[in-house]
Amino acid sequence: MSKIARATVDLGQFPDLVVIYLGMKAHSLKGLGVLIRQGPRIQAAVAAKPEGLLLHENFIFSLLPVHLGMRQYWRDLDALETWSRSLPHQGWWADFLSAEKGVSFWHETYQRNGGIEAVYLNQVGPLGLSAFAPVKPAEGPMFSARARLGAGVGGAP
């Protein structure tokens, strides 16, 4: 009988690591069109290797309905926020928000040093954290990911 190789990781170099799961789900043919247009734009954005992005992975949650996902590992919340508030992300995000409906978007963010947050746009049915935790409007003090994570301006929780 062979021994199973068991391994783990040393995250000592990444004290402020942030992991974000993102998903887009088509609820109609128009929604499928949005996914088809956004996919290459997202791929080009991460292929440019933004500062602080350690790894980007794509996966498929389901084919019917089409539900695509991504997982990203960021050095810290500041790097993720800087990227999300600049071009090209800012441009394709604005396009997504103004697109015909028929597609939902969600993300869930996890910080190594504590804090979890999520946001769901046009979501049809519960998934992830929203499947068991109370859902509230993402407005006012709950509008930004940093606020939902409980992090202050300097990034400390």
C-alpha atoms as a PDB file:
ATOM      1  CA  MET A   1       0.000   0.000   0.000  1.00  0.00           C
ATOM      2  CA  SER A   2       1.450   3.380  -0.989  1.00  0.00           C
ATOM      3  CA  LYS A   3       1.516   6.290   1.392  1.00  0.00           C
ATOM      4  CA  ILE A   4      -0.595   9.357   0.503  1.00  0.00           C
ATOM      5  CA  ALA A   5       1.483  12.519   0.200  1.00  0.00           C
ATOM      6  CA  ARG A   6      -0.075  15.130   2.461  1.00  0.00           C
ATOM      7  CA  ALA A   7       1.007  18.770   2.097  1.00  0.00           C
ATOM      8  CA  THR A   8      -0.002  22.222   3.274  1.00  0.00           C
ATOM      9  CA  VAL A   9       1.104  25.796   2.593  1.00  0.00           C
ATOM     10  CA  ASP A  10       3.076  28.340   4.580  1.00  0.00           C
ATOM     11  CA  LEU A  11       1.219  31.649   4.254  1.00  0.00           C
ATOM     12  CA  GLY A  12       3.730  33.522   6.395  1.00  0.00           C
ATOM     13  CA  GLN A  13       4.680  35.755   3.458  1.00  0.00           C
ATOM     14  CA  PHE A  14       1.019  36.691   2.903  1.00  0.00           C
ATOM     15  CA  PRO A  15      -0.333  38.083   6.192  1.00  0.00           C
ATOM     16  CA  ASP A  16      -2.967  40.215   4.432  1.00  0.00           C
ATOM     17  CA  LEU A  17      -4.025  37.654   1.803  1.00  0.00           C
ATOM     18  CA  VAL A  18      -7.478  38.165   0.293  1.00  0.00           C
ATOM     19  CA  VAL A  19      -9.358  35.446  -1.582  1.00  0.00           C
ATOM     20  CA  ILE A  20     -12.321  36.467  -3.707  1.00  0.00           C
ATOM     21  CA  TYR A  21     -14.774  34.187  -5.455  1.00  0.00           C
ATOM     22  CA  LEU A  22     -16.765  35.755  -8.276  1.00  0.00           C
ATOM     23  CA  GLY A  23     -19.563  34.396 -10.401  1.00  0.00           C
ATOM     24  CA  MET A  24     -21.812  35.371 -13.277  1.00  0.00           C
ATOM     25  CA  LYS A  25     -24.941  33.424 -14.103  1.00  0.00           C
ATOM     26  CA  ALA A  26     -27.008  33.792 -17.294  1.00  0.00           C
ATOM     27  CA  HIS A  27     -30.780  33.730 -16.821  1.00  0.00           C
ATOM     28  CA  SER A  28     -31.688  34.373 -20.477  1.00  0.00           C
ATOM     29  CA  LEU A  29     -30.186  34.525 -23.957  1.00  0.00           C
ATOM     30  CA  LYS A  30     -29.433  38.221 -23.368  1.00  0.00           C
ATOM     31  CA  GLY A  31     -27.634  37.230 -20.184  1.00  0.00           C
ATOM     32  CA  LEU A  32     -25.620  34.638 -22.081  1.00  0.00           C
ATOM     33  CA  GLY A  33     -24.593  37.396 -24.498  1.00  0.00           C
ATOM     34  CA  VAL A  34     -23.384  39.513 -21.577  1.00  0.00           C
ATOM     35  CA  LEU A  35     -21.256  36.603 -20.322  1.00  0.00           C
ATOM     36  CA  ILE A  36     -19.802  36.044 -23.788  1.00  0.00           C
ATOM     37  CA  ARG A  37     -18.854  39.742 -24.088  1.00  0.00           C
ATOM     38  CA  GLN A  38     -17.448  40.043 -20.576  1.00  0.00           C
ATOM     39  CA  GLY A  39     -15.364  36.866 -20.560  1.00  0.00           C
ATOM     40  CA  PRO A  40     -12.579  38.031 -22.914  1.00  0.00           C
ATOM     41  CA  ARG A  41     -12.462  41.436 -21.229  1.00  0.00           C
ATOM     42  CA  ILE A  42     -11.974  39.869 -17.818  1.00  0.00           C
ATOM     43  CA  GLN A  43      -9.347  37.496 -19.206  1.00  0.00           C
ATOM     44  CA  ALA A  44      -7.402  40.367 -20.788  1.00  0.00           C
ATOM     45  CA  ALA A  45      -7.550  42.346 -17.541  1.00  0.00           C
ATOM     46  CA  VAL A  46      -6.075  39.549 -15.431  1.00  0.00           C
ATOM     47  CA  ALA A  47      -3.591  38.558 -18.160  1.00  0.00           C
ATOM     48  CA  ALA A  48      -2.090  42.044 -17.707  1.00  0.00           C
ATOM     49  CA  LYS A  49      -1.029  40.824 -14.228  1.00  0.00           C
ATOM     50  CA  PRO A  50      -2.295  43.679 -12.086  1.00  0.00           C
ATOM     51  CA  GLU A  51      -0.129  44.637  -9.123  1.00  0.00           C
ATOM     52  CA  GLY A  52      -1.015  42.450  -6.152  1.00  0.00           C
ATOM     53  CA  LEU A  53      -2.871  39.690  -8.053  1.00  0.00           C
ATOM     54  CA  LEU A  54      -1.191  36.449  -7.048  1.00  0.00           C
ATOM     55  CA  LEU A  55      -3.410  33.992  -8.939  1.00  0.00           C
ATOM     56  CA  HIS A  56      -6.566  33.986 -11.069  1.00  0.00           C
ATOM     57  CA  GLU A  57      -8.477  30.774 -11.788  1.00  0.00           C
ATOM     58  CA  ASN A  58     -11.619  30.164 -13.868  1.00  0.00           C
ATOM     59  CA  PHE A  59     -14.176  27.439 -13.315  1.00  0.00           C
ATOM     60  CA  ILE A  60     -17.705  26.419 -14.248  1.00  0.00           C
ATOM     61  CA  PHE A  61     -20.403  26.076 -11.604  1.00  0.00           C
ATOM     62  CA  SER A  62     -22.996  24.791 -14.072  1.00  0.00           C
ATOM     63  CA  LEU A  63     -23.799  24.627 -17.773  1.00  0.00           C
ATOM     64  CA  LEU A  64     -27.582  24.898 -17.486  1.00  0.00           C
ATOM     65  CA  PRO A  65     -28.048  27.627 -16.576  1.00  0.00           C
ATOM     66  CA  VAL A  66     -24.595  28.885 -17.547  1.00  0.00           C
ATOM     67  CA  HIS A  67     -22.903  29.887 -14.286  1.00  0.00           C
ATOM     68  CA  LEU A  68     -19.229  30.791 -14.600  1.00  0.00           C
ATOM     69  CA  GLY A  69     -16.855  31.494 -11.754  1.00  0.00           C
ATOM     70  CA  MET A  70     -13.450  32.858 -10.887  1.00  0.00           C
ATOM     71  CA  ARG A  71     -11.244  32.665  -7.837  1.00  0.00           C
ATOM     72  CA  GLN A  72      -8.573  35.255  -7.231  1.00  0.00           C
ATOM     73  CA  TYR A  73      -5.848  35.506  -4.615  1.00  0.00           C
ATOM     74  CA  TRP A  74      -4.688  39.072  -3.863  1.00  0.00           C
ATOM     75  CA  ARG A  75      -1.709  40.209  -1.784  1.00  0.00           C
ATOM     76  CA  ASP A  76      -4.003  42.516   0.223  1.00  0.00           C
ATOM     77  CA  LEU A  77      -7.275  44.419   0.142  1.00  0.00           C
ATOM     78  CA  ASP A  78      -5.568  47.661  -0.967  1.00  0.00           C
ATOM     79  CA  ALA A  79      -4.252  45.980  -4.147  1.00  0.00           C
ATOM     80  CA  LEU A  80      -7.672  44.490  -4.934  1.00  0.00           C
ATOM     81  CA  GLU A  81      -9.415  47.838  -4.404  1.00  0.00           C
ATOM     82  CA  THR A  82      -6.844  49.762  -6.433  1.00  0.00           C
ATOM     83  CA  TRP A  83      -7.337  47.404  -9.366  1.00  0.00           C
ATOM     84  CA  SER A  84     -11.124  47.358  -9.122  1.00  0.00           C
ATOM     85  CA  ARG A  85     -11.266  51.168  -9.144  1.00  0.00           C
ATOM     86  CA  SER A  86      -9.056  51.625 -12.215  1.00  0.00           C
ATOM     87  CA  LEU A  87      -9.206  50.813 -15.912  1.00  0.00           C
ATOM     88  CA  PRO A  88      -9.808  48.339 -17.464  1.00  0.00           C
ATOM     89  CA  HIS A  89     -11.865  46.892 -14.594  1.00  0.00           C
ATOM     90  CA  GLN A  90     -13.749  50.127 -14.037  1.00  0.00           C
ATOM     91  CA  GLY A  91     -14.791  50.248 -17.707  1.00  0.00           C
ATOM     92  CA  TRP A  92     -16.087  46.743 -18.085  1.00  0.00           C
ATOM     93  CA  TRP A  93     -17.776  46.891 -14.691  1.00  0.00           C
ATOM     94  CA  ALA A  94     -19.690  50.032 -15.760  1.00  0.00           C
ATOM     95  CA  ASP A  95     -20.681  48.245 -18.977  1.00  0.00           C
ATOM     96  CA  PHE A  96     -21.873  45.252 -16.987  1.00  0.00           C
ATOM     97  CA  LEU A  97     -23.991  47.417 -14.680  1.00  0.00           C
ATOM     98  CA  SER A  98     -25.626  49.133 -17.652  1.00  0.00           C
ATOM     99  CA  ALA A  99     -26.185  45.888 -19.614  1.00  0.00           C
ATOM    100  CA  GLU A 100     -29.546  44.379 -20.264  1.00  0.00           C
ATOM    101  CA  LYS A 101     -30.601  42.245 -17.359  1.00  0.00           C
ATOM    102  CA  GLY A 102     -30.714  38.502 -17.663  1.00  0.00           C
ATOM    103  CA  VAL A 103     -27.451  37.922 -15.872  1.00  0.00           C
ATOM    104  CA  SER A 104     -26.554  37.975 -12.198  1.00  0.00           C
ATOM    105  CA  PHE A 105     -23.206  38.682 -10.608  1.00  0.00           C
ATOM    106  CA  TRP A 106     -21.918  37.888  -7.153  1.00  0.00           C
ATOM    107  CA  HIS A 107     -18.702  37.875  -5.196  1.00  0.00           C
ATOM    108  CA  GLU A 108     -17.622  36.658  -1.793  1.00  0.00           C
ATOM    109  CA  THR A 109     -14.400  37.954  -0.249  1.00  0.00           C
ATOM    110  CA  TYR A 110     -12.402  36.286   2.523  1.00  0.00           C
ATOM    111  CA  GLN A 111      -9.473  37.917   4.339  1.00  0.00           C
ATOM    112  CA  ARG A 112      -6.788  35.831   5.987  1.00  0.00           C
ATOM    113  CA  ASN A 113      -6.626  38.263   8.882  1.00  0.00           C
ATOM    114  CA  GLY A 114     -10.381  38.150   9.395  1.00  0.00           C
ATOM    115  CA  GLY A 115     -13.462  39.396   7.678  1.00  0.00           C
ATOM    116  CA  ILE A 116     -15.863  37.995   5.110  1.00  0.00           C
ATOM    117  CA  GLU A 117     -18.146  39.980   2.827  1.00  0.00           C
ATOM    118  CA  ALA A 118     -20.420  39.346  -0.126  1.00  0.00           C
ATOM    119  CA  VAL A 119     -22.493  41.179  -2.696  1.00  0.00           C
ATOM    120  CA  TYR A 120     -25.131  39.851  -5.091  1.00  0.00           C
ATOM    121  CA  LEU A 121     -26.532  41.695  -8.126  1.00  0.00           C
ATOM    122  CA  ASN A 122     -29.736  40.547  -9.834  1.00  0.00           C
ATOM    123  CA  GLN A 123     -29.420  37.240  -8.012  1.00  0.00           C
ATOM    124  CA  VAL A 124     -32.091  34.635  -8.743  1.00  0.00           C
ATOM    125  CA  GLY A 125     -32.289  32.280  -5.796  1.00  0.00           C
ATOM    126  CA  PRO A 126     -29.842  31.934  -2.918  1.00  0.00           C
ATOM    127  CA  LEU A 127     -26.279  30.749  -3.304  1.00  0.00           C
ATOM    128  CA  GLY A 128     -23.136  30.796  -1.236  1.00  0.00           C
ATOM    129  CA  LEU A 129     -23.450  32.831   1.944  1.00  0.00           C
ATOM    130  CA  SER A 130     -26.904  34.095   0.918  1.00  0.00           C
ATOM    131  CA  ALA A 131     -28.224  30.523   1.115  1.00  0.00           C
ATOM    132  CA  PHE A 132     -28.037  30.579   4.935  1.00  0.00           C
ATOM    133  CA  ALA A 133     -27.320  34.136   6.139  1.00  0.00           C
ATOM    134  CA  PRO A 134     -29.845  37.000   6.176  1.00  0.00           C
ATOM    135  CA  VAL A 135     -29.656  39.162   3.034  1.00  0.00           C
ATOM    136  CA  LYS A 136     -29.616  42.963   3.425  1.00  0.00           C
ATOM    137  CA  PRO A 137     -29.476  45.806   0.887  1.00  0.00           C
ATOM    138  CA  ALA A 138     -25.888  46.732  -0.070  1.00  0.00           C
ATOM    139  CA  GLU A 139     -26.396  50.451   0.414  1.00  0.00           C
ATOM    140  CA  GLY A 140     -25.308  53.196   2.760  1.00  0.00           C
ATOM    141  CA  PRO A 141     -22.600  51.906   5.097  1.00  0.00           C
ATOM    142  CA  MET A 142     -22.912  48.425   3.517  1.00  0.00           C
ATOM    143  CA  PHE A 143     -22.215  49.668  -0.041  1.00  0.00           C
ATOM    144  CA  SER A 144     -18.443  49.092  -0.163  1.00  0.00           C
ATOM    145  CA  ALA A 145     -16.590  45.809   0.235  1.00  0.00           C
ATOM    146  CA  ARG A 146     -14.210  47.466   2.716  1.00  0.00           C
ATOM    147  CA  ALA A 147     -17.136  48.501   4.910  1.00  0.00           C
ATOM    148  CA  ARG A 148     -18.730  45.054   4.678  1.00  0.00           C
ATOM    149  CA  LEU A 149     -15.406  43.513   5.699  1.00  0.00           C
ATOM    150  CA  GLY A 150     -15.324  45.810   8.722  1.00  0.00           C
ATOM    151  CA  ALA A 151     -12.009  47.284   7.571  1.00  0.00           C
ATOM    152  CA  GLY A 152     -11.080  50.885   8.231  1.00  0.00           C
ATOM    153  CA  VAL A 153      -9.551  53.367   5.800  1.00  0.00           C
ATOM    154  CA  GLY A 154      -6.067  52.052   6.526  1.00  0.00           C
ATOM    155  CA  GLY A 155      -7.106  48.470   5.897  1.00  0.00           C
ATOM    156  CA  ALA A 156      -7.050  47.316   9.520  1.00  0.00           C
ATOM    157  CA  PRO A 157     -10.181  45.512  10.688  1.00  0.00           C
END
